[in-house]
N, C-alpha and C. Protein backbone atom coordinates (compact mmCIF):
# COMPACT_ATOMS: atom_id res chain seq x y z
N UNK A 1 107.58 59.45 138.19
CA UNK A 1 107.99 59.59 139.57
C UNK A 1 109.47 59.92 139.63
N UNK A 2 109.77 61.17 139.70
CA UNK A 2 111.16 61.61 139.76
C UNK A 2 111.77 61.26 141.11
N UNK A 3 113.05 61.05 141.11
CA UNK A 3 113.78 60.89 142.34
C UNK A 3 113.55 59.58 143.06
N UNK A 4 113.11 58.53 142.35
CA UNK A 4 112.82 57.27 143.01
C UNK A 4 114.07 56.45 143.29
N UNK A 5 115.20 56.81 142.74
CA UNK A 5 116.41 56.03 142.90
C UNK A 5 117.41 56.72 143.82
N UNK A 6 118.04 55.94 144.68
CA UNK A 6 119.06 56.44 145.59
C UNK A 6 120.19 57.09 144.78
N UNK A 7 120.59 58.27 145.18
CA UNK A 7 121.66 58.97 144.48
C UNK A 7 123.00 58.24 144.60
N UNK A 8 123.20 57.47 145.68
CA UNK A 8 124.45 56.73 145.82
C UNK A 8 124.59 55.66 144.73
N UNK A 9 123.47 55.10 144.31
CA UNK A 9 123.50 54.13 143.21
C UNK A 9 123.84 54.83 141.91
N UNK A 10 123.20 55.99 141.66
CA UNK A 10 123.49 56.73 140.42
C UNK A 10 124.95 57.19 140.38
N UNK A 11 125.43 57.75 141.48
CA UNK A 11 126.80 58.27 141.49
C UNK A 11 127.83 57.17 141.28
N UNK A 12 127.62 56.02 141.88
CA UNK A 12 128.57 54.92 141.78
C UNK A 12 128.47 54.14 140.49
N UNK A 13 127.43 54.38 139.72
CA UNK A 13 127.20 53.68 138.47
C UNK A 13 127.28 52.16 138.65
N UNK A 14 126.78 51.72 139.79
CA UNK A 14 126.82 50.30 140.14
C UNK A 14 126.09 49.45 139.12
N UNK A 15 124.95 49.93 138.63
CA UNK A 15 124.16 49.12 137.69
C UNK A 15 124.92 48.85 136.39
N UNK A 16 125.76 49.78 135.96
CA UNK A 16 126.54 49.55 134.74
C UNK A 16 127.52 48.40 134.92
N UNK A 17 128.17 48.38 136.07
CA UNK A 17 129.10 47.29 136.36
C UNK A 17 128.38 45.95 136.42
N UNK A 18 127.19 45.94 137.01
CA UNK A 18 126.43 44.70 137.09
C UNK A 18 125.97 44.22 135.72
N UNK A 19 125.66 45.15 134.82
CA UNK A 19 125.28 44.76 133.45
C UNK A 19 126.45 44.10 132.74
N UNK A 20 127.64 44.59 132.99
CA UNK A 20 128.83 44.03 132.34
C UNK A 20 129.21 42.67 132.92
N UNK A 21 128.81 42.41 134.18
CA UNK A 21 129.20 41.17 134.85
C UNK A 21 127.98 40.29 135.16
N UNK A 22 127.06 40.17 134.24
CA UNK A 22 125.87 39.36 134.46
C UNK A 22 126.27 37.89 134.61
N UNK A 23 125.53 37.17 135.47
CA UNK A 23 125.77 35.74 135.63
C UNK A 23 125.30 35.00 134.38
N UNK A 24 125.70 33.75 134.25
CA UNK A 24 125.25 32.94 133.11
C UNK A 24 123.73 32.84 133.07
N UNK A 25 123.11 32.67 134.24
CA UNK A 25 121.65 32.57 134.31
C UNK A 25 121.00 33.88 133.89
N UNK A 26 121.54 35.00 134.35
CA UNK A 26 120.99 36.31 133.95
C UNK A 26 121.13 36.51 132.45
N UNK A 27 122.25 36.12 131.89
CA UNK A 27 122.45 36.24 130.43
C UNK A 27 121.45 35.39 129.67
N UNK A 28 121.20 34.16 130.16
CA UNK A 28 120.25 33.27 129.49
C UNK A 28 118.84 33.87 129.51
N UNK A 29 118.44 34.41 130.65
CA UNK A 29 117.11 35.00 130.73
C UNK A 29 117.03 36.30 129.94
N UNK A 30 118.09 37.09 129.93
CA UNK A 30 118.10 38.34 129.17
C UNK A 30 117.90 38.08 127.68
N UNK A 31 118.43 36.97 127.18
CA UNK A 31 118.23 36.64 125.76
C UNK A 31 116.75 36.46 125.44
N UNK A 32 115.94 36.09 126.41
CA UNK A 32 114.49 35.91 126.21
C UNK A 32 113.74 37.23 126.43
N UNK A 33 114.19 38.03 127.39
CA UNK A 33 113.46 39.24 127.76
C UNK A 33 113.77 40.44 126.87
N UNK A 34 114.97 40.50 126.33
CA UNK A 34 115.40 41.72 125.63
C UNK A 34 114.65 41.92 124.32
N UNK A 35 114.66 43.14 123.86
CA UNK A 35 114.10 43.47 122.55
C UNK A 35 112.60 43.23 122.43
N UNK A 36 111.86 43.36 123.53
CA UNK A 36 110.40 43.20 123.51
C UNK A 36 109.96 41.84 122.96
N UNK A 37 110.79 40.82 123.16
CA UNK A 37 110.46 39.49 122.65
C UNK A 37 109.34 38.82 123.43
N UNK A 38 109.17 39.21 124.67
CA UNK A 38 108.19 38.55 125.53
C UNK A 38 106.91 39.38 125.54
N UNK A 39 105.97 38.99 124.70
CA UNK A 39 104.67 39.64 124.60
C UNK A 39 104.78 41.13 124.28
N UNK A 40 105.87 41.52 123.64
CA UNK A 40 106.05 42.92 123.25
C UNK A 40 106.39 43.86 124.39
N UNK A 41 106.68 43.33 125.57
CA UNK A 41 106.93 44.17 126.74
C UNK A 41 108.41 44.51 126.89
N UNK A 42 108.67 45.73 127.27
CA UNK A 42 110.04 46.20 127.44
C UNK A 42 110.53 45.86 128.85
N UNK A 43 111.64 45.15 128.89
CA UNK A 43 112.30 44.86 130.15
C UNK A 43 113.63 45.60 130.19
N UNK A 44 114.00 46.02 131.37
CA UNK A 44 115.31 46.63 131.61
C UNK A 44 116.09 45.68 132.50
N UNK A 45 117.40 45.71 132.37
CA UNK A 45 118.24 44.86 133.23
C UNK A 45 119.06 45.74 134.15
N UNK A 46 119.28 45.22 135.35
CA UNK A 46 120.06 45.92 136.37
C UNK A 46 119.60 47.37 136.50
N UNK A 47 118.31 47.53 136.70
CA UNK A 47 117.68 48.85 136.77
C UNK A 47 117.64 49.35 138.21
N UNK A 48 118.13 50.56 138.47
CA UNK A 48 118.09 51.09 139.84
C UNK A 48 116.68 51.54 140.21
N UNK A 49 116.29 51.22 141.43
CA UNK A 49 115.01 51.67 141.98
C UNK A 49 115.19 51.84 143.48
N UNK A 50 114.98 53.04 143.99
CA UNK A 50 115.22 53.39 145.38
C UNK A 50 116.62 52.92 145.80
N UNK A 51 116.72 52.06 146.80
CA UNK A 51 118.02 51.59 147.26
C UNK A 51 118.40 50.24 146.67
N UNK A 52 117.70 49.82 145.63
CA UNK A 52 117.89 48.50 145.05
C UNK A 52 118.33 48.60 143.59
N UNK A 53 118.95 47.54 143.14
CA UNK A 53 119.16 47.36 141.71
C UNK A 53 118.43 46.08 141.35
N UNK A 54 117.45 46.21 140.47
CA UNK A 54 116.58 45.10 140.10
C UNK A 54 117.22 44.33 138.94
N UNK A 55 117.26 43.00 139.04
CA UNK A 55 117.86 42.20 137.97
C UNK A 55 117.18 42.54 136.64
N UNK A 56 115.85 42.40 136.60
CA UNK A 56 115.07 42.73 135.41
C UNK A 56 113.77 43.36 135.87
N UNK A 57 113.27 44.32 135.09
CA UNK A 57 112.01 44.96 135.43
C UNK A 57 111.28 45.39 134.17
N UNK A 58 109.97 45.17 134.17
CA UNK A 58 109.08 45.74 133.16
C UNK A 58 108.35 46.85 133.90
N UNK A 59 108.74 48.09 133.65
CA UNK A 59 108.15 49.22 134.38
C UNK A 59 106.68 49.41 134.04
N UNK A 60 106.32 49.17 132.80
CA UNK A 60 104.94 49.40 132.39
C UNK A 60 103.98 48.52 133.18
N UNK A 61 104.38 47.29 133.43
CA UNK A 61 103.50 46.36 134.15
C UNK A 61 103.96 46.09 135.57
N UNK A 62 104.97 46.85 136.01
CA UNK A 62 105.45 46.80 137.39
C UNK A 62 105.79 45.38 137.82
N UNK A 63 106.56 44.70 136.98
CA UNK A 63 107.00 43.34 137.27
C UNK A 63 108.51 43.32 137.42
N UNK A 64 108.97 42.78 138.54
CA UNK A 64 110.39 42.62 138.83
C UNK A 64 110.72 41.14 138.76
N UNK A 65 111.83 40.82 138.10
CA UNK A 65 112.28 39.44 138.02
C UNK A 65 113.68 39.37 138.61
N UNK A 66 113.85 38.51 139.60
CA UNK A 66 115.15 38.32 140.24
C UNK A 66 115.62 36.90 139.94
N UNK A 67 116.89 36.77 139.61
CA UNK A 67 117.51 35.47 139.36
C UNK A 67 118.53 35.27 140.47
N UNK A 68 118.32 34.23 141.28
CA UNK A 68 119.07 34.06 142.51
C UNK A 68 119.89 32.77 142.55
N UNK A 69 121.02 32.85 143.20
CA UNK A 69 121.84 31.69 143.51
C UNK A 69 121.52 31.20 144.91
N UNK A 70 122.21 30.15 145.34
CA UNK A 70 121.95 29.53 146.63
C UNK A 70 122.11 30.46 147.82
N UNK A 71 122.91 31.51 147.69
CA UNK A 71 123.12 32.43 148.82
C UNK A 71 121.84 33.17 149.18
N UNK A 72 120.82 33.10 148.33
CA UNK A 72 119.57 33.80 148.59
C UNK A 72 118.54 32.92 149.28
N UNK A 73 118.85 31.66 149.54
CA UNK A 73 117.90 30.75 150.17
C UNK A 73 117.52 31.30 151.55
N UNK A 74 116.23 31.47 151.75
CA UNK A 74 115.69 31.94 153.03
C UNK A 74 116.34 33.23 153.51
N UNK A 75 116.59 34.15 152.60
CA UNK A 75 117.24 35.41 152.92
C UNK A 75 116.23 36.41 153.49
N UNK A 76 116.49 36.88 154.70
CA UNK A 76 115.58 37.87 155.30
C UNK A 76 115.69 39.21 154.57
N UNK A 77 116.86 39.52 154.03
CA UNK A 77 116.98 40.79 153.30
C UNK A 77 116.20 40.72 151.99
N UNK A 78 116.13 39.55 151.35
CA UNK A 78 115.32 39.41 150.14
C UNK A 78 113.84 39.54 150.48
N UNK A 79 113.43 39.00 151.62
CA UNK A 79 112.03 39.12 152.04
C UNK A 79 111.67 40.58 152.27
N UNK A 80 112.56 41.33 152.92
CA UNK A 80 112.30 42.75 153.17
C UNK A 80 112.26 43.53 151.86
N UNK A 81 113.17 43.21 150.95
CA UNK A 81 113.20 43.86 149.64
C UNK A 81 111.92 43.58 148.87
N UNK A 82 111.49 42.30 148.85
CA UNK A 82 110.26 41.93 148.15
C UNK A 82 109.06 42.65 148.74
N UNK A 83 109.02 42.76 150.07
CA UNK A 83 107.91 43.45 150.73
C UNK A 83 107.91 44.94 150.36
N UNK A 84 109.08 45.56 150.32
CA UNK A 84 109.17 46.98 149.95
C UNK A 84 108.74 47.19 148.50
N UNK A 85 109.15 46.30 147.62
CA UNK A 85 108.76 46.41 146.21
C UNK A 85 107.27 46.16 146.04
N UNK A 86 106.73 45.19 146.76
CA UNK A 86 105.29 44.92 146.70
C UNK A 86 104.50 46.12 147.21
N UNK A 87 104.99 46.75 148.27
CA UNK A 87 104.31 47.94 148.81
C UNK A 87 104.33 49.08 147.79
N UNK A 88 105.34 49.09 146.92
CA UNK A 88 105.42 50.12 145.87
C UNK A 88 104.62 49.71 144.63
N UNK A 89 103.96 48.56 144.68
CA UNK A 89 103.10 48.14 143.57
C UNK A 89 103.73 47.19 142.58
N UNK A 90 104.89 46.65 142.88
CA UNK A 90 105.56 45.71 141.97
C UNK A 90 105.20 44.27 142.31
N UNK A 91 105.09 43.45 141.29
CA UNK A 91 105.02 42.01 141.46
C UNK A 91 106.46 41.51 141.33
N UNK A 92 106.91 40.72 142.29
CA UNK A 92 108.28 40.22 142.27
C UNK A 92 108.26 38.72 142.00
N UNK A 93 108.95 38.31 140.95
CA UNK A 93 109.11 36.89 140.63
C UNK A 93 110.57 36.53 140.85
N UNK A 94 110.80 35.43 141.55
CA UNK A 94 112.17 34.96 141.80
C UNK A 94 112.35 33.58 141.19
N UNK A 95 113.48 33.42 140.51
CA UNK A 95 113.83 32.14 139.91
C UNK A 95 115.24 31.78 140.33
N UNK A 96 115.48 30.50 140.55
CA UNK A 96 116.82 30.02 140.90
C UNK A 96 117.67 29.95 139.65
N UNK A 97 118.96 30.24 139.80
CA UNK A 97 119.91 30.16 138.69
C UNK A 97 119.79 28.83 137.96
N UNK A 98 119.78 27.73 138.73
CA UNK A 98 119.78 26.41 138.08
C UNK A 98 118.51 26.15 137.28
N UNK A 99 117.38 26.73 137.69
CA UNK A 99 116.15 26.58 136.92
C UNK A 99 116.24 27.34 135.59
N UNK A 100 116.81 28.53 135.63
CA UNK A 100 116.98 29.31 134.41
C UNK A 100 117.95 28.61 133.46
N UNK A 101 119.05 28.12 134.00
CA UNK A 101 120.05 27.46 133.16
C UNK A 101 119.53 26.13 132.61
N UNK A 102 118.71 25.43 133.38
CA UNK A 102 118.18 24.13 132.93
C UNK A 102 117.13 24.32 131.83
N UNK A 103 116.28 25.34 131.95
CA UNK A 103 115.22 25.54 130.96
C UNK A 103 114.75 27.00 130.98
N UNK A 104 115.51 27.86 130.35
CA UNK A 104 115.19 29.28 130.33
C UNK A 104 113.84 29.55 129.67
N UNK A 105 113.48 28.73 128.68
CA UNK A 105 112.20 28.97 127.99
C UNK A 105 111.01 28.64 128.89
N UNK A 106 111.14 27.65 129.79
CA UNK A 106 110.07 27.37 130.75
C UNK A 106 109.91 28.55 131.70
N UNK A 107 111.02 29.14 132.12
CA UNK A 107 110.97 30.34 132.96
C UNK A 107 110.32 31.48 132.18
N UNK A 108 110.69 31.64 130.92
CA UNK A 108 110.07 32.65 130.07
C UNK A 108 108.58 32.44 129.93
N UNK A 109 108.15 31.18 129.80
CA UNK A 109 106.72 30.88 129.70
C UNK A 109 105.98 31.28 130.98
N UNK A 110 106.61 31.04 132.13
CA UNK A 110 105.99 31.42 133.41
C UNK A 110 105.88 32.95 133.51
N UNK A 111 106.91 33.65 133.09
CA UNK A 111 106.87 35.12 133.11
C UNK A 111 105.78 35.61 132.18
N UNK A 112 105.68 35.01 131.00
CA UNK A 112 104.64 35.38 130.04
C UNK A 112 103.26 35.16 130.63
N UNK A 113 103.05 34.03 131.29
CA UNK A 113 101.76 33.76 131.91
C UNK A 113 101.41 34.82 132.95
N UNK A 114 102.39 35.20 133.75
CA UNK A 114 102.16 36.21 134.79
C UNK A 114 101.90 37.58 134.17
N UNK A 115 102.60 37.92 133.08
CA UNK A 115 102.34 39.18 132.38
C UNK A 115 100.91 39.23 131.85
N UNK A 116 100.47 38.13 131.26
CA UNK A 116 99.11 38.09 130.72
C UNK A 116 98.08 38.20 131.84
N UNK A 117 98.37 37.61 133.01
CA UNK A 117 97.48 37.77 134.17
C UNK A 117 97.40 39.24 134.57
N UNK A 118 98.53 39.93 134.59
CA UNK A 118 98.55 41.35 134.95
C UNK A 118 97.74 42.16 133.95
N UNK A 119 97.93 41.89 132.67
CA UNK A 119 97.22 42.64 131.64
C UNK A 119 95.71 42.43 131.74
N UNK A 120 95.31 41.22 132.13
CA UNK A 120 93.89 40.92 132.26
C UNK A 120 93.27 41.63 133.45
N UNK A 121 94.00 41.65 134.57
CA UNK A 121 93.44 42.27 135.78
C UNK A 121 93.68 43.77 135.85
N UNK A 122 94.74 44.28 135.20
CA UNK A 122 95.07 45.70 135.23
C UNK A 122 95.33 46.20 133.81
N UNK A 123 94.28 46.38 133.00
CA UNK A 123 94.50 46.75 131.60
C UNK A 123 95.06 48.15 131.40
N UNK A 124 94.91 49.04 132.40
CA UNK A 124 95.39 50.40 132.24
C UNK A 124 96.49 50.67 133.25
N UNK A 125 97.75 50.73 132.80
CA UNK A 125 98.84 50.96 133.75
C UNK A 125 98.78 52.36 134.33
N UNK A 126 99.41 52.54 135.49
CA UNK A 126 99.46 53.84 136.15
C UNK A 126 100.40 54.77 135.41
N UNK A 127 100.72 55.90 136.02
CA UNK A 127 101.62 56.86 135.38
C UNK A 127 103.00 56.25 135.19
N UNK A 128 103.74 56.75 134.21
CA UNK A 128 105.06 56.18 133.93
C UNK A 128 106.04 56.43 135.08
N UNK A 129 106.94 55.50 135.25
CA UNK A 129 108.01 55.66 136.23
C UNK A 129 109.15 56.45 135.61
N UNK A 130 110.11 56.83 136.42
CA UNK A 130 111.26 57.57 135.97
C UNK A 130 111.88 56.90 134.75
N UNK A 131 112.07 57.66 133.69
CA UNK A 131 112.69 57.12 132.48
C UNK A 131 111.68 56.62 131.46
N UNK A 132 110.40 56.56 131.79
CA UNK A 132 109.39 56.06 130.87
C UNK A 132 108.51 57.17 130.30
N UNK A 133 108.73 58.40 130.66
CA UNK A 133 107.93 59.49 130.13
C UNK A 133 108.69 60.78 130.23
N UNK A 134 108.10 61.85 129.74
CA UNK A 134 108.78 63.13 129.85
C UNK A 134 108.50 63.74 131.22
N UNK A 135 109.02 64.92 131.46
CA UNK A 135 108.90 65.58 132.77
C UNK A 135 107.44 65.89 133.13
N UNK A 136 106.57 65.97 132.15
CA UNK A 136 105.17 66.28 132.42
C UNK A 136 104.34 65.02 132.65
N UNK A 137 104.98 63.85 132.56
CA UNK A 137 104.27 62.61 132.82
C UNK A 137 103.65 61.98 131.59
N UNK A 138 103.97 62.52 130.40
CA UNK A 138 103.44 61.93 129.18
C UNK A 138 104.26 60.71 128.81
N UNK A 139 103.59 59.70 128.33
CA UNK A 139 104.31 58.50 127.89
C UNK A 139 105.06 58.77 126.60
N UNK A 140 106.22 58.19 126.50
CA UNK A 140 106.95 58.20 125.24
C UNK A 140 106.12 57.38 124.26
N UNK A 141 106.05 57.74 122.98
CA UNK A 141 105.20 57.02 122.04
C UNK A 141 105.47 55.51 121.99
N UNK A 142 106.69 55.09 122.22
CA UNK A 142 107.00 53.67 122.17
C UNK A 142 106.79 52.98 123.51
N UNK A 143 106.63 53.71 124.60
CA UNK A 143 106.54 53.11 125.93
C UNK A 143 105.26 52.31 126.13
N UNK A 144 104.22 52.63 125.37
CA UNK A 144 102.96 51.92 125.57
C UNK A 144 102.69 50.91 124.47
N UNK A 145 103.70 50.49 123.75
CA UNK A 145 103.48 49.56 122.65
C UNK A 145 103.57 48.11 123.07
N UNK A 146 103.38 47.84 124.33
CA UNK A 146 103.41 46.46 124.84
C UNK A 146 102.18 45.75 124.28
N UNK A 147 102.40 44.79 123.44
CA UNK A 147 101.27 44.08 122.84
C UNK A 147 101.70 42.75 122.30
N UNK A 148 100.88 42.16 121.49
CA UNK A 148 101.20 40.84 120.95
C UNK A 148 100.68 39.76 121.88
N UNK A 149 100.99 38.50 121.53
CA UNK A 149 100.45 37.45 122.38
C UNK A 149 101.36 36.25 122.52
N UNK A 150 102.61 36.35 122.12
CA UNK A 150 103.46 35.17 122.30
C UNK A 150 104.90 35.59 122.45
N UNK A 151 105.67 34.64 122.94
CA UNK A 151 107.09 34.87 123.11
C UNK A 151 107.77 34.39 121.84
N UNK A 152 108.56 35.23 121.20
CA UNK A 152 109.23 34.80 119.98
C UNK A 152 110.35 33.85 120.32
N UNK A 153 110.65 32.97 119.41
CA UNK A 153 111.74 32.05 119.60
C UNK A 153 111.33 30.78 120.32
N UNK A 154 110.05 30.63 120.63
CA UNK A 154 109.62 29.40 121.30
C UNK A 154 108.64 28.65 120.44
């Protein structure tokens, strides 16, 4: 799906700055998600999508993970964002900073459980999103290697 990201995000390179300034909670969760450690699935951090920058996303399984501080409590803008992402076919999981910092592996276990639920109900993912295939829509050979059955390091 070409052109899914707002050009203002690309031009401003906002996501690069956010990657450099990740919160402690985001860093803790990234240590679990990076390098296909979680069930072999590839996660991206601070990934642009339409008018949003997603904290973490597994494009293959259309899962978005947001790590939030107290300023997000009962946020109407977060509800609208979640609804827009859900309408685009994404599952959105939100975790509080303090939960990630208190027990990042428990959060990782919950993400793993939800990934396995997705794989069980949707064994064949849709076409690749921007950055996951070539211009003709073919998957990169490594893009579909999501497999395995456990989270390493736990």
